[in-house]
N, C-alpha and C. Protein backbone atom coordinates (compact mmCIF):
# COMPACT_ATOMS: atom_id res chain seq x y z
N MET A 1 0.85 -1.19 0.00
CA MET A 1 0.00 0.00 0.00
C MET A 1 0.89 1.24 0.00
N ILE A 2 0.55 2.22 -0.81
CA ILE A 2 1.31 3.45 -0.87
C ILE A 2 1.16 4.22 0.45
N GLY A 3 2.22 4.90 0.87
CA GLY A 3 2.12 5.79 2.02
C GLY A 3 1.47 7.09 1.60
N PHE A 4 0.28 7.37 2.09
CA PHE A 4 -0.48 8.51 1.59
C PHE A 4 0.21 9.84 1.87
N GLU A 5 0.95 9.93 2.95
CA GLU A 5 1.65 11.18 3.25
C GLU A 5 2.62 11.55 2.14
N ALA A 6 3.06 10.54 1.37
CA ALA A 6 3.98 10.82 0.26
C ALA A 6 3.30 11.62 -0.85
N LEU A 7 1.97 11.68 -0.83
CA LEU A 7 1.25 12.44 -1.85
C LEU A 7 1.15 13.92 -1.51
N ARG A 8 1.33 14.24 -0.24
CA ARG A 8 1.18 15.62 0.20
C ARG A 8 2.25 16.51 -0.46
N GLY A 9 1.81 17.63 -1.03
CA GLY A 9 2.74 18.56 -1.64
C GLY A 9 3.02 18.31 -3.11
N LEU A 10 2.55 17.18 -3.64
CA LEU A 10 2.71 16.91 -5.06
C LEU A 10 1.64 17.65 -5.84
N HIS A 11 1.79 17.74 -7.17
CA HIS A 11 0.66 18.18 -7.97
C HIS A 11 -0.08 16.94 -8.48
N HIS A 12 -1.22 17.14 -9.13
CA HIS A 12 -2.10 16.02 -9.45
C HIS A 12 -1.46 15.00 -10.39
N ARG A 13 -0.62 15.47 -11.31
CA ARG A 13 0.04 14.52 -12.22
C ARG A 13 0.98 13.61 -11.45
N GLU A 14 1.73 14.21 -10.53
CA GLU A 14 2.67 13.42 -9.74
C GLU A 14 1.93 12.44 -8.83
N ALA A 15 0.84 12.90 -8.23
CA ALA A 15 0.06 12.02 -7.36
C ALA A 15 -0.50 10.84 -8.15
N ALA A 16 -1.03 11.11 -9.34
CA ALA A 16 -1.55 10.02 -10.17
C ALA A 16 -0.44 9.06 -10.56
N GLY A 17 0.74 9.60 -10.86
CA GLY A 17 1.87 8.75 -11.20
C GLY A 17 2.27 7.83 -10.06
N ARG A 18 2.29 8.36 -8.84
CA ARG A 18 2.62 7.54 -7.68
C ARG A 18 1.61 6.40 -7.51
N LEU A 19 0.34 6.71 -7.69
CA LEU A 19 -0.69 5.69 -7.56
C LEU A 19 -0.54 4.62 -8.63
N ALA A 20 -0.29 5.04 -9.88
CA ALA A 20 -0.13 4.08 -10.97
C ALA A 20 1.06 3.15 -10.72
N VAL A 21 2.17 3.71 -10.29
CA VAL A 21 3.36 2.90 -10.02
C VAL A 21 3.10 1.90 -8.90
N ALA A 22 2.26 2.29 -7.93
CA ALA A 22 1.94 1.41 -6.81
C ALA A 22 0.87 0.38 -7.16
N GLY A 23 0.41 0.36 -8.41
CA GLY A 23 -0.54 -0.65 -8.84
C GLY A 23 -2.00 -0.28 -8.74
N TRP A 24 -2.29 0.99 -8.46
CA TRP A 24 -3.67 1.44 -8.43
C TRP A 24 -4.19 1.58 -9.86
N GLY A 25 -5.49 1.41 -10.05
CA GLY A 25 -6.08 1.53 -11.38
C GLY A 25 -7.24 2.50 -11.39
N VAL A 26 -7.45 3.17 -12.52
CA VAL A 26 -8.56 4.11 -12.65
C VAL A 26 -9.87 3.34 -12.65
N CYS A 27 -10.79 3.76 -11.78
CA CYS A 27 -12.10 3.10 -11.71
C CYS A 27 -13.25 4.07 -11.95
N GLY A 28 -12.95 5.34 -12.13
CA GLY A 28 -14.02 6.29 -12.38
C GLY A 28 -13.47 7.64 -12.81
N VAL A 29 -14.24 8.33 -13.65
CA VAL A 29 -13.88 9.67 -14.11
C VAL A 29 -15.13 10.53 -14.02
N GLY A 30 -15.08 11.56 -13.20
CA GLY A 30 -16.22 12.46 -13.06
C GLY A 30 -16.00 13.75 -13.83
N ASP A 31 -16.72 14.79 -13.45
CA ASP A 31 -16.51 16.09 -14.09
C ASP A 31 -15.22 16.73 -13.62
N TRP A 32 -14.91 16.57 -12.33
CA TRP A 32 -13.75 17.24 -11.76
C TRP A 32 -12.55 16.33 -11.59
N ALA A 33 -12.79 15.09 -11.22
CA ALA A 33 -11.70 14.25 -10.72
C ALA A 33 -11.62 12.90 -11.42
N VAL A 34 -10.47 12.27 -11.22
CA VAL A 34 -10.25 10.88 -11.62
C VAL A 34 -10.12 10.07 -10.33
N VAL A 35 -10.79 8.92 -10.29
CA VAL A 35 -10.78 8.08 -9.10
C VAL A 35 -9.97 6.82 -9.36
N TRP A 36 -9.02 6.56 -8.46
CA TRP A 36 -8.13 5.40 -8.55
C TRP A 36 -8.48 4.43 -7.43
N ARG A 37 -8.46 3.13 -7.77
CA ARG A 37 -8.77 2.10 -6.76
C ARG A 37 -7.50 1.35 -6.38
N SER A 38 -7.36 1.08 -5.10
CA SER A 38 -6.17 0.40 -4.59
C SER A 38 -6.10 -1.04 -5.10
N PRO A 39 -4.91 -1.62 -5.14
CA PRO A 39 -4.76 -3.00 -5.63
C PRO A 39 -5.62 -4.00 -4.87
N ASP A 40 -5.83 -3.78 -3.57
CA ASP A 40 -6.66 -4.72 -2.81
C ASP A 40 -8.15 -4.39 -2.88
N GLY A 41 -8.50 -3.29 -3.55
CA GLY A 41 -9.90 -2.93 -3.75
C GLY A 41 -10.59 -2.29 -2.57
N ARG A 42 -9.85 -2.06 -1.47
CA ARG A 42 -10.51 -1.58 -0.25
C ARG A 42 -10.73 -0.08 -0.23
N VAL A 43 -9.88 0.70 -0.88
CA VAL A 43 -9.99 2.15 -0.83
C VAL A 43 -9.82 2.73 -2.22
N VAL A 44 -10.25 3.98 -2.37
CA VAL A 44 -10.07 4.72 -3.62
C VAL A 44 -9.44 6.07 -3.31
N ALA A 45 -8.78 6.62 -4.31
CA ALA A 45 -8.19 7.95 -4.19
C ALA A 45 -8.79 8.84 -5.27
N ARG A 46 -9.42 9.92 -4.85
CA ARG A 46 -9.99 10.89 -5.77
C ARG A 46 -8.94 11.97 -6.00
N VAL A 47 -8.50 12.12 -7.25
CA VAL A 47 -7.42 13.05 -7.58
C VAL A 47 -7.97 14.09 -8.55
N CYS A 48 -7.82 15.36 -8.18
CA CYS A 48 -8.34 16.44 -9.02
C CYS A 48 -7.27 17.50 -9.23
N ALA A 49 -7.23 18.06 -10.43
CA ALA A 49 -6.23 19.07 -10.78
C ALA A 49 -6.55 20.44 -10.21
N PHE A 50 -7.83 20.77 -10.19
CA PHE A 50 -8.31 22.08 -9.72
C PHE A 50 -9.59 21.80 -8.95
N GLU A 51 -9.62 22.14 -7.67
CA GLU A 51 -10.73 21.70 -6.84
C GLU A 51 -11.17 22.78 -5.86
N PRO A 52 -12.20 23.56 -6.24
CA PRO A 52 -12.66 24.63 -5.34
C PRO A 52 -13.64 24.20 -4.27
N ALA A 53 -14.25 23.01 -4.38
CA ALA A 53 -15.41 22.70 -3.53
C ALA A 53 -15.29 21.45 -2.68
N TYR A 54 -14.48 20.48 -3.06
CA TYR A 54 -14.56 19.17 -2.41
C TYR A 54 -14.15 19.22 -0.94
N GLY A 55 -13.34 20.18 -0.59
CA GLY A 55 -12.95 20.31 0.81
C GLY A 55 -14.14 20.51 1.73
N VAL A 56 -15.24 21.05 1.22
CA VAL A 56 -16.42 21.25 2.05
C VAL A 56 -17.04 19.91 2.40
N PHE A 57 -17.07 18.98 1.45
CA PHE A 57 -17.58 17.64 1.75
C PHE A 57 -16.66 16.93 2.75
N VAL A 58 -15.36 17.08 2.57
CA VAL A 58 -14.42 16.48 3.52
C VAL A 58 -14.67 17.04 4.92
N GLU A 59 -14.92 18.33 5.01
CA GLU A 59 -15.20 18.94 6.31
C GLU A 59 -16.48 18.35 6.92
N LEU A 60 -17.49 18.11 6.10
CA LEU A 60 -18.72 17.46 6.59
C LEU A 60 -18.40 16.10 7.20
N CYS A 61 -17.59 15.32 6.50
CA CYS A 61 -17.23 13.99 6.99
C CYS A 61 -16.42 14.08 8.28
N ARG A 62 -15.62 15.12 8.41
CA ARG A 62 -14.84 15.30 9.63
C ARG A 62 -15.75 15.70 10.80
N ARG A 63 -16.69 16.59 10.54
CA ARG A 63 -17.60 17.02 11.61
C ARG A 63 -18.47 15.88 12.10
N LEU A 64 -18.81 14.97 11.20
CA LEU A 64 -19.66 13.82 11.55
C LEU A 64 -18.86 12.52 11.41
N GLU A 65 -17.63 12.55 11.88
CA GLU A 65 -16.75 11.39 11.72
C GLU A 65 -17.39 10.13 12.31
N GLY A 66 -17.33 9.05 11.54
CA GLY A 66 -17.91 7.79 11.98
C GLY A 66 -19.40 7.66 11.73
N HIS A 67 -20.00 8.67 11.09
CA HIS A 67 -21.44 8.63 10.83
C HIS A 67 -21.78 7.49 9.88
N ALA A 68 -22.90 6.84 10.13
CA ALA A 68 -23.25 5.62 9.40
C ALA A 68 -23.48 5.83 7.91
N VAL A 69 -23.91 7.03 7.51
CA VAL A 69 -24.23 7.23 6.09
C VAL A 69 -23.25 8.18 5.40
N LEU A 70 -22.07 8.35 5.98
CA LEU A 70 -21.00 9.10 5.32
C LEU A 70 -19.78 8.19 5.18
N PRO A 71 -18.97 8.40 4.14
CA PRO A 71 -17.82 7.51 3.92
C PRO A 71 -16.70 7.76 4.94
N ARG A 72 -15.94 6.71 5.16
CA ARG A 72 -14.72 6.85 5.98
C ARG A 72 -13.63 7.45 5.11
N ILE A 73 -13.05 8.55 5.55
CA ILE A 73 -11.96 9.19 4.82
C ILE A 73 -10.66 8.88 5.54
N ASP A 74 -9.71 8.29 4.82
CA ASP A 74 -8.44 7.89 5.40
C ASP A 74 -7.35 8.94 5.23
N PHE A 75 -7.46 9.78 4.22
CA PHE A 75 -6.43 10.79 3.98
C PHE A 75 -7.01 11.86 3.08
N ASP A 76 -6.61 13.10 3.32
CA ASP A 76 -7.05 14.20 2.46
C ASP A 76 -5.98 15.28 2.50
N ALA A 77 -5.66 15.83 1.35
CA ALA A 77 -4.66 16.90 1.29
C ALA A 77 -4.86 17.73 0.04
N GLU A 78 -4.60 19.02 0.17
CA GLU A 78 -4.53 19.86 -1.01
C GLU A 78 -3.26 19.51 -1.77
N LEU A 79 -3.33 19.59 -3.09
CA LEU A 79 -2.17 19.32 -3.93
C LEU A 79 -1.60 20.63 -4.45
N ALA A 80 -0.36 20.60 -4.83
CA ALA A 80 0.28 21.79 -5.38
C ALA A 80 -0.46 22.24 -6.63
N GLY A 81 -0.63 23.53 -6.79
CA GLY A 81 -1.27 24.07 -7.98
C GLY A 81 -2.76 24.17 -7.91
N GLY A 82 -3.39 23.74 -6.80
CA GLY A 82 -4.83 23.91 -6.66
C GLY A 82 -5.64 22.64 -6.69
N GLY A 83 -5.00 21.49 -6.75
CA GLY A 83 -5.72 20.23 -6.78
C GLY A 83 -5.99 19.69 -5.40
N ARG A 84 -6.49 18.45 -5.37
CA ARG A 84 -6.80 17.80 -4.09
C ARG A 84 -6.78 16.29 -4.29
N VAL A 85 -6.32 15.60 -3.25
CA VAL A 85 -6.39 14.14 -3.23
C VAL A 85 -7.13 13.73 -1.96
N THR A 86 -8.09 12.84 -2.12
CA THR A 86 -8.87 12.34 -0.99
C THR A 86 -8.95 10.82 -1.10
N VAL A 87 -8.52 10.15 -0.04
CA VAL A 87 -8.54 8.69 -0.01
C VAL A 87 -9.66 8.26 0.93
N MET A 88 -10.55 7.42 0.45
CA MET A 88 -11.69 6.97 1.25
C MET A 88 -12.01 5.51 0.96
N GLU A 89 -12.89 4.97 1.76
CA GLU A 89 -13.30 3.59 1.55
C GLU A 89 -13.95 3.44 0.18
N HIS A 90 -13.77 2.26 -0.43
CA HIS A 90 -14.40 2.00 -1.72
C HIS A 90 -15.89 1.80 -1.54
N LEU A 91 -16.66 2.41 -2.44
CA LEU A 91 -18.11 2.28 -2.44
C LEU A 91 -18.58 1.84 -3.81
N ALA A 92 -19.74 1.19 -3.85
CA ALA A 92 -20.33 0.74 -5.11
C ALA A 92 -21.60 1.54 -5.38
N PRO A 93 -22.01 1.63 -6.65
CA PRO A 93 -23.27 2.31 -6.95
C PRO A 93 -24.44 1.62 -6.26
N ALA A 94 -25.39 2.40 -5.78
CA ALA A 94 -26.60 1.85 -5.18
C ALA A 94 -27.63 1.55 -6.27
N GLU A 95 -28.53 0.65 -5.97
CA GLU A 95 -29.64 0.37 -6.88
C GLU A 95 -30.62 1.55 -6.87
N THR A 96 -31.41 1.64 -7.94
CA THR A 96 -32.35 2.74 -8.07
C THR A 96 -33.29 2.84 -6.87
N GLU A 97 -33.79 1.71 -6.40
CA GLU A 97 -34.71 1.72 -5.27
C GLU A 97 -34.03 2.24 -4.01
N GLU A 98 -32.77 1.87 -3.82
CA GLU A 98 -32.02 2.35 -2.66
C GLU A 98 -31.85 3.86 -2.73
N ARG A 99 -31.48 4.35 -3.91
CA ARG A 99 -31.29 5.78 -4.07
C ARG A 99 -32.56 6.55 -3.75
N GLU A 100 -33.66 6.08 -4.30
CA GLU A 100 -34.94 6.77 -4.09
C GLU A 100 -35.33 6.75 -2.62
N ALA A 101 -35.07 5.65 -1.94
CA ALA A 101 -35.43 5.55 -0.53
C ALA A 101 -34.61 6.52 0.32
N VAL A 102 -33.33 6.63 0.03
CA VAL A 102 -32.48 7.54 0.81
C VAL A 102 -32.86 8.99 0.54
N LEU A 103 -33.13 9.33 -0.72
CA LEU A 103 -33.52 10.70 -1.03
C LEU A 103 -34.87 11.05 -0.41
N ALA A 104 -35.76 10.07 -0.32
CA ALA A 104 -37.04 10.31 0.36
C ALA A 104 -36.81 10.59 1.84
N ARG A 105 -35.88 9.88 2.45
CA ARG A 105 -35.53 10.14 3.85
C ARG A 105 -34.92 11.54 4.00
N TRP A 106 -34.10 11.93 3.03
CA TRP A 106 -33.51 13.28 3.05
C TRP A 106 -34.61 14.33 3.04
N ASP A 107 -35.58 14.16 2.15
CA ASP A 107 -36.67 15.13 2.02
C ASP A 107 -37.55 15.15 3.26
N ALA A 108 -37.79 13.99 3.85
CA ALA A 108 -38.68 13.92 5.01
C ALA A 108 -38.03 14.52 6.26
N ALA A 109 -36.72 14.35 6.38
CA ALA A 109 -35.96 14.91 7.52
C ALA A 109 -36.61 14.56 8.85
N GLU A 110 -36.92 13.29 9.04
CA GLU A 110 -37.54 12.83 10.28
C GLU A 110 -36.54 12.91 11.43
N PRO A 111 -36.95 13.46 12.58
CA PRO A 111 -36.05 13.50 13.73
C PRO A 111 -35.54 12.11 14.08
N GLY A 112 -34.26 12.01 14.34
CA GLY A 112 -33.67 10.73 14.70
C GLY A 112 -33.16 9.92 13.52
N ASP A 113 -33.53 10.31 12.31
CA ASP A 113 -33.03 9.60 11.13
C ASP A 113 -31.59 10.05 10.86
N PRO A 114 -30.64 9.11 10.72
CA PRO A 114 -29.26 9.50 10.42
C PRO A 114 -29.13 10.35 9.16
N VAL A 115 -29.97 10.10 8.16
CA VAL A 115 -29.92 10.90 6.94
C VAL A 115 -30.32 12.35 7.24
N ALA A 116 -31.29 12.53 8.12
CA ALA A 116 -31.71 13.89 8.49
C ALA A 116 -30.59 14.62 9.21
N ALA A 117 -29.81 13.91 10.01
CA ALA A 117 -28.68 14.54 10.70
C ALA A 117 -27.64 15.02 9.70
N VAL A 118 -27.39 14.20 8.67
CA VAL A 118 -26.45 14.63 7.62
C VAL A 118 -27.00 15.85 6.89
N ARG A 119 -28.28 15.84 6.58
CA ARG A 119 -28.87 16.98 5.88
C ARG A 119 -28.71 18.26 6.68
N ALA A 120 -28.98 18.21 7.99
CA ALA A 120 -28.87 19.41 8.82
C ALA A 120 -27.44 19.94 8.83
N ALA A 121 -26.46 19.05 8.99
CA ALA A 121 -25.06 19.48 9.00
C ALA A 121 -24.64 20.00 7.63
N ALA A 122 -25.12 19.35 6.57
CA ALA A 122 -24.78 19.77 5.22
C ALA A 122 -25.37 21.14 4.90
N GLU A 123 -26.57 21.40 5.35
CA GLU A 123 -27.19 22.70 5.09
C GLU A 123 -26.44 23.81 5.82
N ALA A 124 -25.95 23.51 7.02
CA ALA A 124 -25.17 24.51 7.75
C ALA A 124 -23.86 24.81 7.03
N LEU A 125 -23.20 23.77 6.55
CA LEU A 125 -21.95 23.96 5.81
C LEU A 125 -22.20 24.66 4.48
N ASP A 126 -23.31 24.36 3.85
CA ASP A 126 -23.66 25.02 2.59
C ASP A 126 -23.76 26.53 2.79
N ALA A 127 -24.38 26.94 3.89
CA ALA A 127 -24.51 28.37 4.17
C ALA A 127 -23.15 29.01 4.40
N GLU A 128 -22.27 28.30 5.10
CA GLU A 128 -20.91 28.82 5.31
C GLU A 128 -20.16 28.95 3.98
N ALA A 129 -20.23 27.89 3.18
CA ALA A 129 -19.49 27.88 1.91
C ALA A 129 -20.00 28.92 0.94
N ALA A 130 -21.29 29.20 0.96
CA ALA A 130 -21.85 30.21 0.07
C ALA A 130 -21.23 31.58 0.32
N ARG A 131 -20.77 31.79 1.56
CA ARG A 131 -20.13 33.07 1.90
C ARG A 131 -18.63 33.07 1.60
N GLU A 132 -18.04 31.88 1.51
CA GLU A 132 -16.58 31.79 1.50
C GLU A 132 -15.98 31.23 0.21
N VAL A 133 -16.72 30.41 -0.52
CA VAL A 133 -16.15 29.70 -1.67
C VAL A 133 -16.61 30.38 -2.97
N PRO A 134 -15.68 30.87 -3.78
CA PRO A 134 -16.07 31.51 -5.05
C PRO A 134 -16.81 30.55 -5.97
N PHE A 135 -17.79 31.07 -6.68
CA PHE A 135 -18.56 30.28 -7.65
C PHE A 135 -19.21 29.07 -6.97
N TRP A 136 -19.64 29.24 -5.74
CA TRP A 136 -20.27 28.15 -5.01
C TRP A 136 -21.58 27.75 -5.68
N GLY A 137 -21.82 26.44 -5.79
CA GLY A 137 -23.05 25.96 -6.41
C GLY A 137 -24.12 25.59 -5.39
N GLY A 138 -23.71 24.95 -4.29
CA GLY A 138 -24.67 24.58 -3.26
C GLY A 138 -24.71 23.09 -3.02
N LEU A 139 -25.83 22.65 -2.45
CA LEU A 139 -26.05 21.23 -2.18
C LEU A 139 -26.41 20.50 -3.46
N ASP A 140 -25.92 19.30 -3.59
CA ASP A 140 -26.13 18.52 -4.80
C ASP A 140 -27.00 17.31 -4.46
N ARG A 141 -28.30 17.44 -4.68
CA ARG A 141 -29.24 16.34 -4.41
C ARG A 141 -29.34 15.47 -5.67
N ASN A 142 -28.30 14.71 -5.90
CA ASN A 142 -28.18 13.89 -7.10
C ASN A 142 -28.33 12.43 -6.71
N PRO A 143 -29.24 11.68 -7.35
CA PRO A 143 -29.38 10.26 -6.99
C PRO A 143 -28.07 9.48 -7.06
N GLY A 144 -27.18 9.88 -7.97
CA GLY A 144 -25.90 9.21 -8.09
C GLY A 144 -25.00 9.40 -6.88
N ASN A 145 -25.35 10.33 -6.01
CA ASN A 145 -24.58 10.56 -4.79
C ASN A 145 -24.97 9.61 -3.66
N VAL A 146 -25.89 8.72 -3.93
CA VAL A 146 -26.22 7.65 -2.98
C VAL A 146 -25.49 6.39 -3.44
N MET A 147 -24.58 5.91 -2.61
CA MET A 147 -23.82 4.70 -2.93
C MET A 147 -23.98 3.71 -1.79
N ARG A 148 -23.26 2.59 -1.84
CA ARG A 148 -23.39 1.62 -0.75
C ARG A 148 -22.06 0.96 -0.46
N ARG A 149 -21.91 0.57 0.78
CA ARG A 149 -20.75 -0.20 1.20
C ARG A 149 -20.89 -1.65 0.72
N ALA A 150 -19.78 -2.38 0.78
CA ALA A 150 -19.82 -3.80 0.41
C ALA A 150 -20.80 -4.56 1.29
N SER A 151 -20.97 -4.10 2.52
CA SER A 151 -21.90 -4.75 3.44
C SER A 151 -23.36 -4.37 3.18
N GLY A 152 -23.57 -3.42 2.25
CA GLY A 152 -24.93 -3.10 1.82
C GLY A 152 -25.51 -1.80 2.33
N GLU A 153 -24.88 -1.17 3.34
CA GLU A 153 -25.46 0.06 3.89
C GLU A 153 -25.32 1.22 2.91
N PRO A 154 -26.33 2.09 2.82
CA PRO A 154 -26.24 3.25 1.94
C PRO A 154 -25.29 4.30 2.49
N VAL A 155 -24.64 5.02 1.60
CA VAL A 155 -23.69 6.06 1.96
C VAL A 155 -23.92 7.26 1.05
N LEU A 156 -23.86 8.46 1.62
CA LEU A 156 -24.00 9.70 0.85
C LEU A 156 -22.63 10.27 0.53
N VAL A 157 -22.41 10.65 -0.72
CA VAL A 157 -21.12 11.20 -1.13
C VAL A 157 -21.34 12.48 -1.95
N ASP A 158 -20.28 13.29 -2.05
CA ASP A 158 -20.25 14.43 -2.99
C ASP A 158 -21.49 15.31 -2.89
N LEU A 159 -21.77 15.77 -1.69
CA LEU A 159 -23.03 16.47 -1.45
C LEU A 159 -23.01 17.95 -1.82
N PHE A 160 -21.87 18.46 -2.28
CA PHE A 160 -21.77 19.88 -2.63
C PHE A 160 -21.11 20.02 -4.00
N TYR A 161 -21.28 21.18 -4.61
CA TYR A 161 -20.62 21.40 -5.89
C TYR A 161 -20.28 22.87 -6.09
N ALA A 162 -19.23 23.08 -6.86
CA ALA A 162 -18.92 24.42 -7.37
C ALA A 162 -19.54 24.56 -8.75
N ASN A 163 -19.88 25.77 -9.13
CA ASN A 163 -20.55 25.99 -10.41
C ASN A 163 -19.52 26.05 -11.53
N GLY A 164 -19.13 24.87 -11.98
CA GLY A 164 -18.09 24.78 -13.00
C GLY A 164 -18.45 25.47 -14.30
N LEU A 165 -19.71 25.40 -14.70
CA LEU A 165 -20.10 26.06 -15.95
C LEU A 165 -19.83 27.55 -15.88
N ASP A 166 -20.14 28.15 -14.73
CA ASP A 166 -19.89 29.58 -14.57
C ASP A 166 -18.39 29.90 -14.50
N ILE A 167 -17.63 29.03 -13.83
CA ILE A 167 -16.18 29.25 -13.72
C ILE A 167 -15.55 29.28 -15.10
N TYR A 168 -15.87 28.29 -15.92
CA TYR A 168 -15.18 28.18 -17.22
C TYR A 168 -15.75 29.14 -18.26
N LYS A 169 -17.00 29.54 -18.11
CA LYS A 169 -17.52 30.61 -18.95
C LYS A 169 -16.80 31.92 -18.62
N ALA A 170 -16.65 32.18 -17.31
CA ALA A 170 -15.94 33.40 -16.91
C ALA A 170 -14.48 33.37 -17.31
N LEU A 171 -13.87 32.19 -17.28
CA LEU A 171 -12.46 32.10 -17.66
C LEU A 171 -12.24 32.60 -19.07
N VAL A 172 -13.16 32.29 -19.98
CA VAL A 172 -13.04 32.72 -21.37
C VAL A 172 -13.51 34.16 -21.56
N GLU A 173 -14.63 34.51 -20.92
CA GLU A 173 -15.25 35.81 -21.18
C GLU A 173 -14.76 36.92 -20.26
N ASP A 174 -14.36 36.57 -19.05
CA ASP A 174 -13.93 37.56 -18.07
C ASP A 174 -12.84 36.96 -17.18
N PRO A 175 -11.69 36.65 -17.75
CA PRO A 175 -10.65 35.96 -16.98
C PRO A 175 -10.22 36.71 -15.73
N ALA A 176 -10.37 38.02 -15.71
CA ALA A 176 -10.01 38.78 -14.51
C ALA A 176 -10.87 38.38 -13.32
N ALA A 177 -12.12 38.01 -13.59
CA ALA A 177 -13.01 37.58 -12.50
C ALA A 177 -12.51 36.28 -11.88
N VAL A 178 -12.00 35.39 -12.70
CA VAL A 178 -11.45 34.13 -12.20
C VAL A 178 -10.16 34.40 -11.44
N ALA A 179 -9.34 35.31 -11.96
CA ALA A 179 -8.10 35.67 -11.27
C ALA A 179 -8.39 36.26 -9.90
N ALA A 180 -9.46 37.05 -9.80
CA ALA A 180 -9.82 37.65 -8.52
C ALA A 180 -10.38 36.61 -7.55
N ALA A 181 -11.02 35.59 -8.09
CA ALA A 181 -11.65 34.58 -7.23
C ALA A 181 -10.65 33.56 -6.70
N PHE A 182 -9.68 33.18 -7.53
CA PHE A 182 -8.75 32.12 -7.16
C PHE A 182 -7.32 32.62 -7.31
N PRO A 183 -6.52 32.60 -6.24
CA PRO A 183 -5.11 33.00 -6.36
C PRO A 183 -4.39 32.15 -7.39
N ALA A 184 -3.34 32.68 -7.98
CA ALA A 184 -2.63 31.98 -9.05
C ALA A 184 -2.19 30.59 -8.64
N GLU A 185 -1.74 30.44 -7.39
CA GLU A 185 -1.26 29.13 -6.95
C GLU A 185 -2.38 28.12 -6.74
N ARG A 186 -3.64 28.58 -6.79
CA ARG A 186 -4.78 27.68 -6.65
C ARG A 186 -5.45 27.35 -7.98
N ARG A 187 -4.93 27.88 -9.09
CA ARG A 187 -5.55 27.62 -10.39
C ARG A 187 -4.50 27.29 -11.45
N GLU A 188 -3.36 26.79 -11.02
CA GLU A 188 -2.29 26.48 -11.97
C GLU A 188 -2.73 25.45 -13.02
N PHE A 189 -3.58 24.52 -12.61
CA PHE A 189 -4.01 23.45 -13.50
C PHE A 189 -5.51 23.52 -13.78
N ILE A 190 -6.04 24.73 -13.84
CA ILE A 190 -7.48 24.92 -13.99
C ILE A 190 -8.02 24.29 -15.28
N CYS A 191 -7.18 24.14 -16.28
CA CYS A 191 -7.63 23.58 -17.57
C CYS A 191 -7.47 22.06 -17.66
N GLU A 192 -7.16 21.41 -16.53
CA GLU A 192 -6.88 19.98 -16.58
C GLU A 192 -7.88 19.13 -15.80
N ILE A 193 -9.06 19.67 -15.48
CA ILE A 193 -10.06 18.83 -14.82
C ILE A 193 -10.60 17.82 -15.82
N ALA A 194 -11.20 16.76 -15.30
CA ALA A 194 -11.54 15.60 -16.12
C ALA A 194 -12.52 15.92 -17.24
N VAL A 195 -13.53 16.74 -16.97
CA VAL A 195 -14.55 16.98 -17.98
C VAL A 195 -13.99 17.72 -19.19
N ILE A 196 -12.99 18.57 -18.98
CA ILE A 196 -12.38 19.27 -20.11
C ILE A 196 -11.64 18.28 -21.00
N ALA A 197 -10.87 17.41 -20.39
CA ALA A 197 -10.14 16.41 -21.17
C ALA A 197 -11.09 15.47 -21.90
N ARG A 198 -12.24 15.20 -21.30
CA ARG A 198 -13.16 14.22 -21.87
C ARG A 198 -14.07 14.80 -22.94
N GLU A 199 -14.51 16.04 -22.78
CA GLU A 199 -15.61 16.53 -23.61
C GLU A 199 -15.28 17.74 -24.48
N SER A 200 -14.22 18.47 -24.18
CA SER A 200 -13.96 19.72 -24.92
C SER A 200 -13.31 19.45 -26.26
N SER A 201 -13.65 20.28 -27.23
CA SER A 201 -13.00 20.20 -28.54
C SER A 201 -11.60 20.80 -28.46
N PRO A 202 -10.74 20.51 -29.43
CA PRO A 202 -9.42 21.15 -29.43
C PRO A 202 -9.50 22.68 -29.41
N GLU A 203 -10.49 23.23 -30.10
CA GLU A 203 -10.65 24.68 -30.13
C GLU A 203 -11.05 25.22 -28.75
N GLN A 204 -11.94 24.51 -28.06
CA GLN A 204 -12.34 24.93 -26.73
C GLN A 204 -11.16 24.85 -25.75
N ILE A 205 -10.40 23.78 -25.85
CA ILE A 205 -9.23 23.63 -24.98
C ILE A 205 -8.24 24.76 -25.23
N ALA A 206 -8.02 25.09 -26.49
CA ALA A 206 -7.09 26.17 -26.82
C ALA A 206 -7.57 27.49 -26.25
N ALA A 207 -8.88 27.76 -26.34
CA ALA A 207 -9.41 29.02 -25.81
C ALA A 207 -9.27 29.08 -24.29
N LEU A 208 -9.55 27.97 -23.61
CA LEU A 208 -9.42 27.94 -22.16
C LEU A 208 -7.97 28.14 -21.74
N ARG A 209 -7.07 27.46 -22.42
CA ARG A 209 -5.66 27.58 -22.05
C ARG A 209 -5.13 28.99 -22.33
N ALA A 210 -5.57 29.59 -23.41
CA ALA A 210 -5.13 30.96 -23.71
C ALA A 210 -5.64 31.93 -22.64
N ALA A 211 -6.90 31.73 -22.23
CA ALA A 211 -7.46 32.59 -21.18
C ALA A 211 -6.72 32.41 -19.86
N ALA A 212 -6.43 31.14 -19.52
CA ALA A 212 -5.71 30.87 -18.27
C ALA A 212 -4.31 31.46 -18.32
N ALA A 213 -3.66 31.37 -19.48
CA ALA A 213 -2.31 31.92 -19.60
C ALA A 213 -2.31 33.44 -19.47
N SER A 214 -3.40 34.07 -19.85
CA SER A 214 -3.47 35.53 -19.78
C SER A 214 -3.51 36.05 -18.35
N ILE A 215 -3.86 35.18 -17.40
CA ILE A 215 -3.92 35.61 -16.00
C ILE A 215 -2.94 34.82 -15.14
N ALA A 216 -2.04 34.10 -15.77
CA ALA A 216 -1.09 33.27 -15.01
C ALA A 216 -0.17 34.15 -14.17
């Protein structure tokens, strides 16, 4: 198993390289991050090049450490250049019925329900982040954010988001606004998040990189 402290202070490319050399494999690609699974399958590492929001979810897990419907986080660190690496227990997608049942519990917010406790803490953090995090999006009530442990219990993940569409629109149309929102050392790899590599045309990538270079 890789020593996670060795990832601290690296940038996202270096962190991914360390994981690959240690035998980890890519098991998921989202809008922001690439997820690597450990050789024994027990944990995953979420690696992102530019990450304005995920720290809020990590803070939720820390405030409610050991909570039954939140994942166990084994390691978390900011990466050089504005990225982030988070190592947590491996989770599997939940079935549709499971997702719907958990979201119904979220909406009902019944006293004593563990899901309601997560919702209350998440709403408090959402209010804090709205004041502090640039381009904050809010709470993400996405069925895909309901997953399950190998033992079958449901788990809530990725409950917050930054408004990426607004960030990257502003990067092209008003790069000064992005420069004002994120210090240079926090946006060094702003053009390397997963969705850009996966979905952008060469022309779009060129425009984003030119805009980012103009405020480097």
